[in-house]
Amino acid sequence: SKQMSAKSVFRNALRLAARWPSVVNDVNSPPSIKTLAEQEYIRSEARSAFKSNRSLSDPVEIAIKCREALDRLAIAEHYRIPYPRLHHAATGSADTRDVHGASRTFVEPPDDDPGEHAHQ
C-alpha cells in the first residue's frame, strides 16, 4: 500500500478540526466556546508538530511520525478528546461531557496564558 505523505496527514488533521463540532455532537450554532477552543487546539498542534519535524529527511523516521500523528488523530476522534492522554489516572476533572449517555473526563492542557481563554 502507498505510504501516506506528511502533507496528507496534515490535511487529515485540518479536516478533523473542521468537522470537530459534529465529532463531539455540538450541534449548537455557533459551536460552544469549548468546542471552538478544541478545534483551534487541533489546528495549532498540527502546525507545531509539523514545524518541529520539518527538517526530517529519513523516510523511515518520517513514516513513524506520520503513523504517530494518524494514531493520535484516530484516538482523538474515537474518544472525542483532542488532548494527549496522560500516562497516569487523573483523579480530578476539568470537564465532563455527556456523550450518548456515557460521561467522559479529561484534563485540559496547561494554560500558558491565564488571560488567553474565556472561562465560564
PDB file of N, CA and C in Angstrom:
ATOM      1  N   SER A   1       0.834  -1.194   0.000  1.00  0.00           N
ATOM      2  CA  SER A   1       0.000   0.000   0.000  1.00  0.00           C
ATOM      3  C   SER A   1       0.873   1.249   0.000  1.00  0.00           C
ATOM      4  N   LYS A   2       0.374   2.274  -0.629  1.00  0.00           N
ATOM      5  CA  LYS A   2       1.129   3.523  -0.747  1.00  0.00           C
ATOM      6  C   LYS A   2       1.178   4.226   0.614  1.00  0.00           C
ATOM      7  N   GLN A   3       2.368   4.664   0.985  1.00  0.00           N
ATOM      8  CA  GLN A   3       2.507   5.360   2.266  1.00  0.00           C
ATOM      9  C   GLN A   3       1.916   6.761   2.173  1.00  0.00           C
ATOM     10  N   MET A   4       1.299   7.179   3.253  1.00  0.00           N
ATOM     11  CA  MET A   4       0.715   8.499   3.287  1.00  0.00           C
ATOM     12  C   MET A   4       1.803   9.555   3.393  1.00  0.00           C
ATOM     13  N   SER A   5       1.645  10.637   2.675  1.00  0.00           N
ATOM     14  CA  SER A   5       2.629  11.710   2.765  1.00  0.00           C
ATOM     15  C   SER A   5       2.351  12.560   3.996  1.00  0.00           C
ATOM     16  N   ALA A   6       3.380  13.249   4.457  1.00  0.00           N
ATOM     17  CA  ALA A   6       3.222  14.140   5.606  1.00  0.00           C
ATOM     18  C   ALA A   6       2.162  15.195   5.301  1.00  0.00           C
ATOM     19  N   LYS A   7       2.134  15.661   4.056  1.00  0.00           N
ATOM     20  CA  LYS A   7       1.155  16.683   3.675  1.00  0.00           C
ATOM     21  C   LYS A   7      -0.274  16.150   3.825  1.00  0.00           C
ATOM     22  N   SER A   8      -0.502  14.901   3.444  1.00  0.00           N
ATOM     23  CA  SER A   8      -1.858  14.357   3.563  1.00  0.00           C
ATOM     24  C   SER A   8      -2.233  14.121   5.027  1.00  0.00           C
ATOM     25  N   VAL A   9      -1.259  13.788   5.863  1.00  0.00           N
ATOM     26  CA  VAL A   9      -1.523  13.638   7.303  1.00  0.00           C
ATOM     27  C   VAL A   9      -1.921  14.991   7.887  1.00  0.00           C
ATOM     28  N   PHE A  10      -1.208  16.046   7.480  1.00  0.00           N
ATOM     29  CA  PHE A  10      -1.521  17.400   7.936  1.00  0.00           C
ATOM     30  C   PHE A  10      -2.947  17.778   7.511  1.00  0.00           C
ATOM     31  N   ARG A  11      -3.298  17.466   6.263  1.00  0.00           N
ATOM     32  CA  ARG A  11      -4.662  17.757   5.780  1.00  0.00           C
ATOM     33  C   ARG A  11      -5.700  16.978   6.589  1.00  0.00           C
ATOM     34  N   ASN A  12      -5.380  15.737   6.955  1.00  0.00           N
ATOM     35  CA  ASN A  12      -6.298  14.955   7.800  1.00  0.00           C
ATOM     36  C   ASN A  12      -6.552  15.665   9.125  1.00  0.00           C
ATOM     37  N   ALA A  13      -5.502  16.229   9.715  1.00  0.00           N
ATOM     38  CA  ALA A  13      -5.648  16.948  10.988  1.00  0.00           C
ATOM     39  C   ALA A  13      -6.548  18.167  10.810  1.00  0.00           C
ATOM     40  N   LEU A  14      -6.337  18.909   9.726  1.00  0.00           N
ATOM     41  CA  LEU A  14      -7.168  20.092   9.487  1.00  0.00           C
ATOM     42  C   LEU A  14      -8.624  19.704   9.215  1.00  0.00           C
ATOM     43  N   ARG A  15      -8.824  18.587   8.518  1.00  0.00           N
ATOM     44  CA  ARG A  15     -10.195  18.114   8.267  1.00  0.00           C
ATOM     45  C   ARG A  15     -10.873  17.695   9.571  1.00  0.00           C
ATOM     46  N   LEU A  16     -10.115  17.042  10.464  1.00  0.00           N
ATOM     47  CA  LEU A  16     -10.685  16.663  11.760  1.00  0.00           C
ATOM     48  C   LEU A  16     -11.091  17.918  12.529  1.00  0.00           C
ATOM     49  N   ALA A  17     -10.237  18.937  12.517  1.00  0.00           N
ATOM     50  CA  ALA A  17     -10.574  20.194  13.199  1.00  0.00           C
ATOM     51  C   ALA A  17     -11.849  20.792  12.605  1.00  0.00           C
ATOM     52  N   ALA A  18     -11.969  20.761  11.285  1.00  0.00           N
ATOM     53  CA  ALA A  18     -13.139  21.351  10.620  1.00  0.00           C
ATOM     54  C   ALA A  18     -14.433  20.636  11.002  1.00  0.00           C
ATOM     55  N   ARG A  19     -14.377  19.317  11.168  1.00  0.00           N
ATOM     56  CA  ARG A  19     -15.611  18.584  11.496  1.00  0.00           C
ATOM     57  C   ARG A  19     -15.736  18.287  12.995  1.00  0.00           C
ATOM     58  N   TRP A  20     -14.863  18.853  13.814  1.00  0.00           N
ATOM     59  CA  TRP A  20     -14.872  18.584  15.254  1.00  0.00           C
ATOM     60  C   TRP A  20     -16.238  18.790  15.913  1.00  0.00           C
ATOM     61  N   PRO A  21     -16.993  19.882  15.589  1.00  0.00           N
ATOM     62  CA  PRO A  21     -18.303  20.031  16.243  1.00  0.00           C
ATOM     63  C   PRO A  21     -19.210  18.816  16.047  1.00  0.00           C
ATOM     64  N   SER A  22     -19.193  18.205  14.856  1.00  0.00           N
ATOM     65  CA  SER A  22     -20.034  17.017  14.655  1.00  0.00           C
ATOM     66  C   SER A  22     -19.449  15.808  15.378  1.00  0.00           C
ATOM     67  N   VAL A  23     -18.118  15.747  15.502  1.00  0.00           N
ATOM     68  CA  VAL A  23     -17.474  14.638  16.223  1.00  0.00           C
ATOM     69  C   VAL A  23     -17.924  14.635  17.683  1.00  0.00           C
ATOM     70  N   VAL A  24     -17.961  15.817  18.306  1.00  0.00           N
ATOM     71  CA  VAL A  24     -18.336  15.905  19.725  1.00  0.00           C
ATOM     72  C   VAL A  24     -19.836  16.170  19.910  1.00  0.00           C
ATOM     73  N   ASN A  25     -20.585  16.077  18.801  1.00  0.00           N
ATOM     74  CA  ASN A  25     -22.035  16.245  18.836  1.00  0.00           C
ATOM     75  C   ASN A  25     -22.448  17.602  19.399  1.00  0.00           C
ATOM     76  N   ASP A  26     -21.714  18.645  19.038  1.00  0.00           N
ATOM     77  CA  ASP A  26     -22.048  20.016  19.434  1.00  0.00           C
ATOM     78  C   ASP A  26     -22.812  20.623  18.261  1.00  0.00           C
ATOM     79  N   VAL A  27     -24.143  20.504  18.325  1.00  0.00           N
ATOM     80  CA  VAL A  27     -24.961  20.955  17.202  1.00  0.00           C
ATOM     81  C   VAL A  27     -25.423  22.400  17.363  1.00  0.00           C
ATOM     82  N   ASN A  28     -24.881  23.087  18.359  1.00  0.00           N
ATOM     83  CA  ASN A  28     -25.220  24.493  18.553  1.00  0.00           C
ATOM     84  C   ASN A  28     -24.692  25.320  17.390  1.00  0.00           C
ATOM     85  N   SER A  29     -25.363  26.415  17.117  1.00  0.00           N
ATOM     86  CA  SER A  29     -24.878  27.329  16.088  1.00  0.00           C
ATOM     87  C   SER A  29     -24.803  28.721  16.695  1.00  0.00           C
ATOM     88  N   PRO A  30     -23.626  29.269  16.913  1.00  0.00           N
ATOM     89  CA  PRO A  30     -22.308  28.672  16.664  1.00  0.00           C
ATOM     90  C   PRO A  30     -21.959  27.631  17.736  1.00  0.00           C
ATOM     91  N   PRO A  31     -20.912  26.814  17.484  1.00  0.00           N
ATOM     92  CA  PRO A  31     -20.496  25.826  18.494  1.00  0.00           C
ATOM     93  C   PRO A  31     -20.072  26.511  19.798  1.00  0.00           C
ATOM     94  N   SER A  32     -20.038  25.744  20.874  1.00  0.00           N
ATOM     95  CA  SER A  32     -19.651  26.284  22.176  1.00  0.00           C
ATOM     96  C   SER A  32     -18.207  26.783  22.161  1.00  0.00           C
ATOM     97  N   ILE A  33     -17.889  27.635  23.107  1.00  0.00           N
ATOM     98  CA  ILE A  33     -16.520  28.156  23.250  1.00  0.00           C
ATOM     99  C   ILE A  33     -15.550  26.994  23.434  1.00  0.00           C
ATOM    100  N   LYS A  34     -15.971  25.983  24.190  1.00  0.00           N
ATOM    101  CA  LYS A  34     -15.126  24.817  24.441  1.00  0.00           C
ATOM    102  C   LYS A  34     -14.821  24.076  23.138  1.00  0.00           C
ATOM    103  N   THR A  35     -15.846  23.867  22.314  1.00  0.00           N
ATOM    104  CA  THR A  35     -15.648  23.178  21.032  1.00  0.00           C
ATOM    105  C   THR A  35     -14.743  23.996  20.121  1.00  0.00           C
ATOM    106  N   LEU A  36     -14.956  25.304  20.074  1.00  0.00           N
ATOM    107  CA  LEU A  36     -14.101  26.171  19.252  1.00  0.00           C
ATOM    108  C   LEU A  36     -12.655  26.122  19.739  1.00  0.00           C
ATOM    109  N   ALA A  37     -12.464  26.088  21.063  1.00  0.00           N
ATOM    110  CA  ALA A  37     -11.103  26.005  21.622  1.00  0.00           C
ATOM    111  C   ALA A  37     -10.454  24.672  21.247  1.00  0.00           C
ATOM    112  N   GLU A  38     -11.241  23.592  21.274  1.00  0.00           N
ATOM    113  CA  GLU A  38     -10.708  22.283  20.889  1.00  0.00           C
ATOM    114  C   GLU A  38     -10.327  22.265  19.409  1.00  0.00           C
ATOM    115  N   GLN A  39     -11.150  22.898  18.565  1.00  0.00           N
ATOM    116  CA  GLN A  39     -10.821  22.989  17.130  1.00  0.00           C
ATOM    117  C   GLN A  39      -9.490  23.706  16.940  1.00  0.00           C
ATOM    118  N   GLU A  40      -9.324  24.835  17.622  1.00  0.00           N
ATOM    119  CA  GLU A  40      -8.089  25.609  17.479  1.00  0.00           C
ATOM    120  C   GLU A  40      -6.900  24.825  18.023  1.00  0.00           C
ATOM    121  N   TYR A  41      -7.120  24.069  19.104  1.00  0.00           N
ATOM    122  CA  TYR A  41      -6.047  23.246  19.661  1.00  0.00           C
ATOM    123  C   TYR A  41      -5.571  22.220  18.630  1.00  0.00           C
ATOM    124  N   ILE A  42      -6.500  21.562  17.938  1.00  0.00           N
ATOM    125  CA  ILE A  42      -6.136  20.568  16.920  1.00  0.00           C
ATOM    126  C   ILE A  42      -5.310  21.233  15.826  1.00  0.00           C
ATOM    127  N   ARG A  43      -5.771  22.395  15.343  1.00  0.00           N
ATOM    128  CA  ARG A  43      -5.038  23.106  14.282  1.00  0.00           C
ATOM    129  C   ARG A  43      -3.640  23.508  14.743  1.00  0.00           C
ATOM    130  N   SER A  44      -3.541  24.094  15.941  1.00  0.00           N
ATOM    131  CA  SER A  44      -2.232  24.586  16.401  1.00  0.00           C
ATOM    132  C   SER A  44      -1.281  23.434  16.705  1.00  0.00           C
ATOM    133  N   GLU A  45      -1.804  22.323  17.236  1.00  0.00           N
ATOM    134  CA  GLU A  45      -0.962  21.144  17.477  1.00  0.00           C
ATOM    135  C   GLU A  45      -0.412  20.602  16.164  1.00  0.00           C
ATOM    136  N   ALA A  46      -1.258  20.543  15.146  1.00  0.00           N
ATOM    137  CA  ALA A  46      -0.815  20.051  13.834  1.00  0.00           C
ATOM    138  C   ALA A  46       0.288  20.955  13.292  1.00  0.00           C
ATOM    139  N   ARG A  47       0.051  22.270  13.354  1.00  0.00           N
ATOM    140  CA  ARG A  47       1.062  23.221  12.846  1.00  0.00           C
ATOM    141  C   ARG A  47       2.381  23.066  13.580  1.00  0.00           C
ATOM    142  N   SER A  48       2.350  23.044  14.913  1.00  0.00           N
ATOM    143  CA  SER A  48       3.612  22.991  15.667  1.00  0.00           C
ATOM    144  C   SER A  48       4.321  21.652  15.486  1.00  0.00           C
ATOM    145  N   ALA A  49       3.565  20.553  15.424  1.00  0.00           N
ATOM    146  CA  ALA A  49       4.194  19.238  15.224  1.00  0.00           C
ATOM    147  C   ALA A  49       4.883  19.168  13.869  1.00  0.00           C
ATOM    148  N   PHE A  50       4.219  19.682  12.848  1.00  0.00           N
ATOM    149  CA  PHE A  50       4.822  19.615  11.521  1.00  0.00           C
ATOM    150  C   PHE A  50       5.990  20.582  11.391  1.00  0.00           C
ATOM    151  N   LYS A  51       5.911  21.742  12.057  1.00  0.00           N
ATOM    152  CA  LYS A  51       7.056  22.667  12.037  1.00  0.00           C
ATOM    153  C   LYS A  51       8.262  22.042  12.723  1.00  0.00           C
ATOM    154  N   SER A  52       8.033  21.400  13.862  1.00  0.00           N
ATOM    155  CA  SER A  52       9.161  20.837  14.616  1.00  0.00           C
ATOM    156  C   SER A  52       9.792  19.643  13.907  1.00  0.00           C
ATOM    157  N   ASN A  53       9.050  18.998  13.013  1.00  0.00           N
ATOM    158  CA  ASN A  53       9.589  17.846  12.278  1.00  0.00           C
ATOM    159  C   ASN A  53       9.951  18.180  10.834  1.00  0.00           C
ATOM    160  N   ARG A  54       9.924  19.453  10.495  1.00  0.00           N
ATOM    161  CA  ARG A  54      10.167  19.898   9.122  1.00  0.00           C
ATOM    162  C   ARG A  54      11.515  19.445   8.580  1.00  0.00           C
ATOM    163  N   SER A  55      12.522  19.377   9.445  1.00  0.00           N
ATOM    164  CA  SER A  55      13.881  19.066   8.985  1.00  0.00           C
ATOM    165  C   SER A  55      14.142  17.566   8.811  1.00  0.00           C
ATOM    166  N   LEU A  56      13.183  16.719   9.154  1.00  0.00           N
ATOM    167  CA  LEU A  56      13.395  15.274   8.999  1.00  0.00           C
ATOM    168  C   LEU A  56      13.588  14.918   7.527  1.00  0.00           C
ATOM    169  N   SER A  57      14.559  14.044   7.265  1.00  0.00           N
ATOM    170  CA  SER A  57      14.775  13.615   5.879  1.00  0.00           C
ATOM    171  C   SER A  57      14.761  12.094   5.735  1.00  0.00           C
ATOM    172  N   ASP A  58      14.923  11.381   6.844  1.00  0.00           N
ATOM    173  CA  ASP A  58      14.922   9.916   6.803  1.00  0.00           C
ATOM    174  C   ASP A  58      13.493   9.415   6.566  1.00  0.00           C
ATOM    175  N   PRO A  59      13.256   8.717   5.447  1.00  0.00           N
ATOM    176  CA  PRO A  59      11.898   8.251   5.132  1.00  0.00           C
ATOM    177  C   PRO A  59      11.284   7.370   6.219  1.00  0.00           C
ATOM    178  N   VAL A  60      12.110   6.581   6.896  1.00  0.00           N
ATOM    179  CA  VAL A  60      11.593   5.716   7.963  1.00  0.00           C
ATOM    180  C   VAL A  60      11.113   6.569   9.136  1.00  0.00           C
ATOM    181  N   GLU A  61      11.913   7.561   9.507  1.00  0.00           N
ATOM    182  CA  GLU A  61      11.547   8.453  10.607  1.00  0.00           C
ATOM    183  C   GLU A  61      10.280   9.242  10.259  1.00  0.00           C
ATOM    184  N   ILE A  62      10.196   9.705   9.021  1.00  0.00           N
ATOM    185  CA  ILE A  62       9.012  10.443   8.567  1.00  0.00           C
ATOM    186  C   ILE A  62       7.780   9.538   8.641  1.00  0.00           C
ATOM    187  N   ALA A  63       7.923   8.295   8.198  1.00  0.00           N
ATOM    188  CA  ALA A  63       6.800   7.347   8.234  1.00  0.00           C
ATOM    189  C   ALA A  63       6.344   7.095   9.667  1.00  0.00           C
ATOM    190  N   ILE A  64       7.304   6.989  10.587  1.00  0.00           N
ATOM    191  CA  ILE A  64       6.971   6.772  12.002  1.00  0.00           C
ATOM    192  C   ILE A  64       6.189   7.967  12.544  1.00  0.00           C
ATOM    193  N   LYS A  65       6.669   9.181  12.261  1.00  0.00           N
ATOM    194  CA  LYS A  65       5.982  10.396  12.732  1.00  0.00           C
ATOM    195  C   LYS A  65       4.578  10.489  12.137  1.00  0.00           C
ATOM    196  N   CYS A  66       4.434  10.150  10.857  1.00  0.00           N
ATOM    197  CA  CYS A  66       3.115  10.176  10.214  1.00  0.00           C
ATOM    198  C   CYS A  66       2.183   9.168  10.874  1.00  0.00           C
ATOM    199  N   ARG A  67       2.692   7.965  11.159  1.00  0.00           N
ATOM    200  CA  ARG A  67       1.883   6.934  11.810  1.00  0.00           C
ATOM    201  C   ARG A  67       1.442   7.407  13.199  1.00  0.00           C
ATOM    202  N   GLU A  68       2.377   8.012  13.951  1.00  0.00           N
ATOM    203  CA  GLU A  68       2.037   8.524  15.287  1.00  0.00           C
ATOM    204  C   GLU A  68       0.949   9.590  15.194  1.00  0.00           C
ATOM    205  N   ALA A  69       1.074  10.476  14.207  1.00  0.00           N
ATOM    206  CA  ALA A  69       0.081  11.540  14.038  1.00  0.00           C
ATOM    207  C   ALA A  69      -1.286  10.955  13.688  1.00  0.00           C
ATOM    208  N   LEU A  70      -1.305   9.989  12.772  1.00  0.00           N
ATOM    209  CA  LEU A  70      -2.575   9.359  12.392  1.00  0.00           C
ATOM    210  C   LEU A  70      -3.201   8.627  13.573  1.00  0.00           C
ATOM    211  N   ASP A  71      -2.370   7.964  14.379  1.00  0.00           N
ATOM    212  CA  ASP A  71      -2.880   7.277  15.569  1.00  0.00           C
ATOM    213  C   ASP A  71      -3.498   8.279  16.535  1.00  0.00           C
ATOM    214  N   ARG A  72      -2.815   9.398  16.736  1.00  0.00           N
ATOM    215  CA  ARG A  72      -3.320  10.411  17.662  1.00  0.00           C
ATOM    216  C   ARG A  72      -4.646  11.003  17.159  1.00  0.00           C
ATOM    217  N   LEU A  73      -4.744  11.229  15.842  1.00  0.00           N
ATOM    218  CA  LEU A  73      -5.996  11.738  15.274  1.00  0.00           C
ATOM    219  C   LEU A  73      -7.127  10.726  15.469  1.00  0.00           C
ATOM    220  N   ALA A  74      -6.825   9.447  15.251  1.00  0.00           N
ATOM    221  CA  ALA A  74      -7.844   8.404  15.411  1.00  0.00           C
ATOM    222  C   ALA A  74      -8.318   8.322  16.860  1.00  0.00           C
ATOM    223  N   ILE A  75      -7.382   8.416  17.799  1.00  0.00           N
ATOM    224  CA  ILE A  75      -7.729   8.379  19.226  1.00  0.00           C
ATOM    225  C   ILE A  75      -8.572   9.596  19.590  1.00  0.00           C
ATOM    226  N   ALA A  76      -8.179  10.770  19.097  1.00  0.00           N
ATOM    227  CA  ALA A  76      -8.936  11.997  19.375  1.00  0.00           C
ATOM    228  C   ALA A  76     -10.375  11.852  18.888  1.00  0.00           C
ATOM    229  N   GLU A  77     -10.522  11.342  17.674  1.00  0.00           N
ATOM    230  CA  GLU A  77     -11.867  11.204  17.117  1.00  0.00           C
ATOM    231  C   GLU A  77     -12.663  10.127  17.851  1.00  0.00           C
ATOM    232  N   HIS A  78     -12.049   8.997  18.131  1.00  0.00           N
ATOM    233  CA  HIS A  78     -12.753   7.896  18.787  1.00  0.00           C
ATOM    234  C   HIS A  78     -13.224   8.277  20.191  1.00  0.00           C
ATOM    235  N   TYR A  79     -12.332   8.869  20.974  1.00  0.00           N
ATOM    236  CA  TYR A  79     -12.664   9.215  22.357  1.00  0.00           C
ATOM    237  C   TYR A  79     -13.227  10.618  22.502  1.00  0.00           C
ATOM    238  N   ARG A  80     -13.253  11.378  21.392  1.00  0.00           N
ATOM    239  CA  ARG A  80     -13.752  12.762  21.387  1.00  0.00           C
ATOM    240  C   ARG A  80     -12.944  13.646  22.332  1.00  0.00           C
ATOM    241  N   ILE A  81     -11.644  13.385  22.387  1.00  0.00           N
ATOM    242  CA  ILE A  81     -10.736  14.142  23.250  1.00  0.00           C
ATOM    243  C   ILE A  81      -9.531  14.543  22.401  1.00  0.00           C
ATOM    244  N   PRO A  82      -9.353  15.832  22.098  1.00  0.00           N
ATOM    245  CA  PRO A  82      -8.236  16.220  21.238  1.00  0.00           C
ATOM    246  C   PRO A  82      -6.892  16.271  21.951  1.00  0.00           C
ATOM    247  N   TYR A  83      -6.927  16.294  23.278  1.00  0.00           N
ATOM    248  CA  TYR A  83      -5.690  16.461  24.038  1.00  0.00           C
ATOM    249  C   TYR A  83      -4.994  15.123  24.235  1.00  0.00           C
ATOM    250  N   PRO A  84      -3.656  15.129  24.338  1.00  0.00           N
ATOM    251  CA  PRO A  84      -2.951  13.862  24.549  1.00  0.00           C
ATOM    252  C   PRO A  84      -3.373  13.235  25.870  1.00  0.00           C
ATOM    253  N   ARG A  85      -3.421  11.933  25.897  1.00  0.00           N
ATOM    254  CA  ARG A  85      -3.818  11.235  27.119  1.00  0.00           C
ATOM    255  C   ARG A  85      -2.656  11.209  28.097  1.00  0.00           C
ATOM    256  N   LEU A  86      -2.973  11.382  29.358  1.00  0.00           N
ATOM    257  CA  LEU A  86      -1.942  11.324  30.384  1.00  0.00           C
ATOM    258  C   LEU A  86      -1.602   9.862  30.642  1.00  0.00           C
ATOM    259  N   HIS A  87      -0.385   9.614  31.088  1.00  0.00           N
ATOM    260  CA  HIS A  87       0.044   8.240  31.327  1.00  0.00           C
ATOM    261  C   HIS A  87      -0.271   7.763  32.735  1.00  0.00           C
ATOM    262  N   HIS A  88      -0.981   8.566  33.493  1.00  0.00           N
ATOM    263  CA  HIS A  88      -1.427   8.152  34.821  1.00  0.00           C
ATOM    264  C   HIS A  88      -2.910   8.481  34.918  1.00  0.00           C
ATOM    265  N   ALA A  89      -3.578   7.877  35.874  1.00  0.00           N
ATOM    266  CA  ALA A  89      -5.005   8.137  36.032  1.00  0.00           C
ATOM    267  C   ALA A  89      -5.197   9.463  36.750  1.00  0.00           C
ATOM    268  N   ALA A  90      -5.856  10.388  36.105  1.00  0.00           N
ATOM    269  CA  ALA A  90      -6.140  11.680  36.727  1.00  0.00           C
ATOM    270  C   ALA A  90      -7.306  11.493  37.693  1.00  0.00           C
ATOM    271  N   THR A  91      -7.206  12.117  38.857  1.00  0.00           N
ATOM    272  CA  THR A  91      -8.280  11.982  39.832  1.00  0.00           C
ATOM    273  C   THR A  91      -9.266  13.129  39.719  1.00  0.00           C
ATOM    274  N   GLY A  92      -8.806  14.279  39.247  1.00  0.00           N
ATOM    275  CA  GLY A  92      -9.677  15.437  39.121  1.00  0.00           C
ATOM    276  C   GLY A  92     -10.236  15.547  37.722  1.00  0.00           C
ATOM    277  N   SER A  93     -11.292  16.329  37.593  1.00  0.00           N
ATOM    278  CA  SER A  93     -11.910  16.507  36.284  1.00  0.00           C
ATOM    279  C   SER A  93     -12.027  17.982  35.972  1.00  0.00           C
ATOM    280  N   ALA A  94     -11.516  18.375  34.817  1.00  0.00           N
ATOM    281  CA  ALA A  94     -11.685  19.754  34.382  1.00  0.00           C
ATOM    282  C   ALA A  94     -13.001  19.890  33.640  1.00  0.00           C
ATOM    283  N   ASP A  95     -13.477  18.778  33.071  1.00  0.00           N
ATOM    284  CA  ASP A  95     -14.714  18.846  32.303  1.00  0.00           C
ATOM    285  C   ASP A  95     -15.301  17.455  32.147  1.00  0.00           C
ATOM    286  N   THR A  96     -16.608  17.375  32.158  1.00  0.00           N
ATOM    287  CA  THR A  96     -17.294  16.124  31.865  1.00  0.00           C
ATOM    288  C   THR A  96     -18.410  16.460  30.891  1.00  0.00           C
ATOM    289  N   ARG A  97     -18.451  15.756  29.783  1.00  0.00           N
ATOM    290  CA  ARG A  97     -19.487  15.990  28.776  1.00  0.00           C
ATOM    291  C   ARG A  97     -20.241  14.685  28.576  1.00  0.00           C
ATOM    292  N   ASP A  98     -21.569  14.740  28.630  1.00  0.00           N
ATOM    293  CA  ASP A  98     -22.361  13.538  28.422  1.00  0.00           C
ATOM    294  C   ASP A  98     -22.424  13.246  26.927  1.00  0.00           C
ATOM    295  N   VAL A  99     -21.927  12.074  26.539  1.00  0.00           N
ATOM    296  CA  VAL A  99     -21.923  11.679  25.133  1.00  0.00           C
ATOM    297  C   VAL A  99     -22.668  10.360  25.020  1.00  0.00           C
ATOM    298  N   HIS A 100     -23.849  10.393  24.423  1.00  0.00           N
ATOM    299  CA  HIS A 100     -24.673   9.197  24.245  1.00  0.00           C
ATOM    300  C   HIS A 100     -24.853   8.445  25.567  1.00  0.00           C
ATOM    301  N   GLY A 101     -25.133   9.177  26.629  1.00  0.00           N
ATOM    302  CA  GLY A 101     -25.423   8.559  27.907  1.00  0.00           C
ATOM    303  C   GLY A 101     -24.211   8.175  28.732  1.00  0.00           C
ATOM    304  N   ALA A 102     -23.011   8.326  28.197  1.00  0.00           N
ATOM    305  CA  ALA A 102     -21.805   7.975  28.954  1.00  0.00           C
ATOM    306  C   ALA A 102     -21.014   9.245  29.227  1.00  0.00           C
ATOM    307  N   SER A 103     -20.600   9.415  30.473  1.00  0.00           N
ATOM    308  CA  SER A 103     -19.817  10.614  30.757  1.00  0.00           C
ATOM    309  C   SER A 103     -18.350  10.325  30.489  1.00  0.00           C
ATOM    310  N   ARG A 104     -17.615  11.356  30.170  1.00  0.00           N
ATOM    311  CA  ARG A 104     -16.185  11.202  29.933  1.00  0.00           C
ATOM    312  C   ARG A 104     -15.476  12.320  30.663  1.00  0.00           C
ATOM    313  N   THR A 105     -14.255  12.059  31.028  1.00  0.00           N
ATOM    314  CA  THR A 105     -13.485  13.026  31.776  1.00  0.00           C
ATOM    315  C   THR A 105     -12.129  13.190  31.125  1.00  0.00           C
ATOM    316  N   PHE A 106     -11.649  14.418  31.076  1.00  0.00           N
ATOM    317  CA  PHE A 106     -10.297  14.649  30.595  1.00  0.00           C
ATOM    318  C   PHE A 106      -9.717  15.855  31.291  1.00  0.00           C
ATOM    319  N   VAL A 107      -8.424  15.966  31.223  1.00  0.00           N
ATOM    320  CA  VAL A 107      -7.732  17.089  31.844  1.00  0.00           C
ATOM    321  C   VAL A 107      -7.377  18.070  30.748  1.00  0.00           C
ATOM    322  N   GLU A 108      -7.719  19.329  30.955  1.00  0.00           N
ATOM    323  CA  GLU A 108      -7.395  20.369  29.971  1.00  0.00           C
ATOM    324  C   GLU A 108      -5.882  20.509  29.865  1.00  0.00           C
ATOM    325  N   PRO A 109      -5.394  20.966  28.724  1.00  0.00           N
ATOM    326  CA  PRO A 109      -3.952  21.198  28.601  1.00  0.00           C
ATOM    327  C   PRO A 109      -3.549  22.354  29.503  1.00  0.00           C
ATOM    328  N   PRO A 110      -2.281  22.427  29.881  1.00  0.00           N
ATOM    329  CA  PRO A 110      -1.859  23.538  30.731  1.00  0.00           C
ATOM    330  C   PRO A 110      -2.124  24.860  30.023  1.00  0.00           C
ATOM    331  N   ASP A 111      -2.590  25.835  30.772  1.00  0.00           N
ATOM    332  CA  ASP A 111      -2.908  27.146  30.215  1.00  0.00           C
ATOM    333  C   ASP A 111      -1.676  28.030  30.332  1.00  0.00           C
ATOM    334  N   ASP A 112      -0.999  28.256  29.205  1.00  0.00           N
ATOM    335  CA  ASP A 112       0.215  29.075  29.214  1.00  0.00           C
ATOM    336  C   ASP A 112      -0.077  30.514  29.604  1.00  0.00           C
ATOM    337  N   ASP A 113      -1.200  31.032  29.114  1.00  0.00           N
ATOM    338  CA  ASP A 113      -1.566  32.418  29.373  1.00  0.00           C
ATOM    339  C   ASP A 113      -2.945  32.418  30.016  1.00  0.00           C
ATOM    340  N   PRO A 114      -3.024  32.659  31.328  1.00  0.00           N
ATOM    341  CA  PRO A 114      -4.310  32.574  32.020  1.00  0.00           C
ATOM    342  C   PRO A 114      -5.383  33.487  31.422  1.00  0.00           C
ATOM    343  N   GLY A 115      -4.993  34.594  30.802  1.00  0.00           N
ATOM    344  CA  GLY A 115      -5.969  35.514  30.241  1.00  0.00           C
ATOM    345  C   GLY A 115      -6.376  35.155  28.834  1.00  0.00           C
ATOM    346  N   GLU A 116      -5.787  34.103  28.282  1.00  0.00           N
ATOM    347  CA  GLU A 116      -5.998  33.773  26.876  1.00  0.00           C
ATOM    348  C   GLU A 116      -7.389  33.202  26.604  1.00  0.00           C
ATOM    349  N   HIS A 117      -7.921  32.382  27.510  1.00  0.00           N
ATOM    350  CA  HIS A 117      -9.197  31.715  27.270  1.00  0.00           C
ATOM    351  C   HIS A 117     -10.278  32.308  28.167  1.00  0.00           C
ATOM    352  N   ALA A 118     -11.471  32.402  27.622  1.00  0.00           N
ATOM    353  CA  ALA A 118     -12.597  32.872  28.424  1.00  0.00           C
ATOM    354  C   ALA A 118     -13.086  31.725  29.298  1.00  0.00           C
ATOM    355  N   HIS A 119     -13.258  31.984  30.577  1.00  0.00           N
ATOM    356  CA  HIS A 119     -13.759  30.953  31.491  1.00  0.00           C
ATOM    357  C   HIS A 119     -15.206  31.272  31.822  1.00  0.00           C
ATOM    358  N   GLN A 120     -16.003  30.239  31.856  1.00  0.00           N
ATOM    359  CA  GLN A 120     -17.434  30.455  32.122  1.00  0.00           C
ATOM    360  C   GLN A 120     -17.769  30.126  33.546  1.00  0.00           C
TER     361      GLN A 120
END
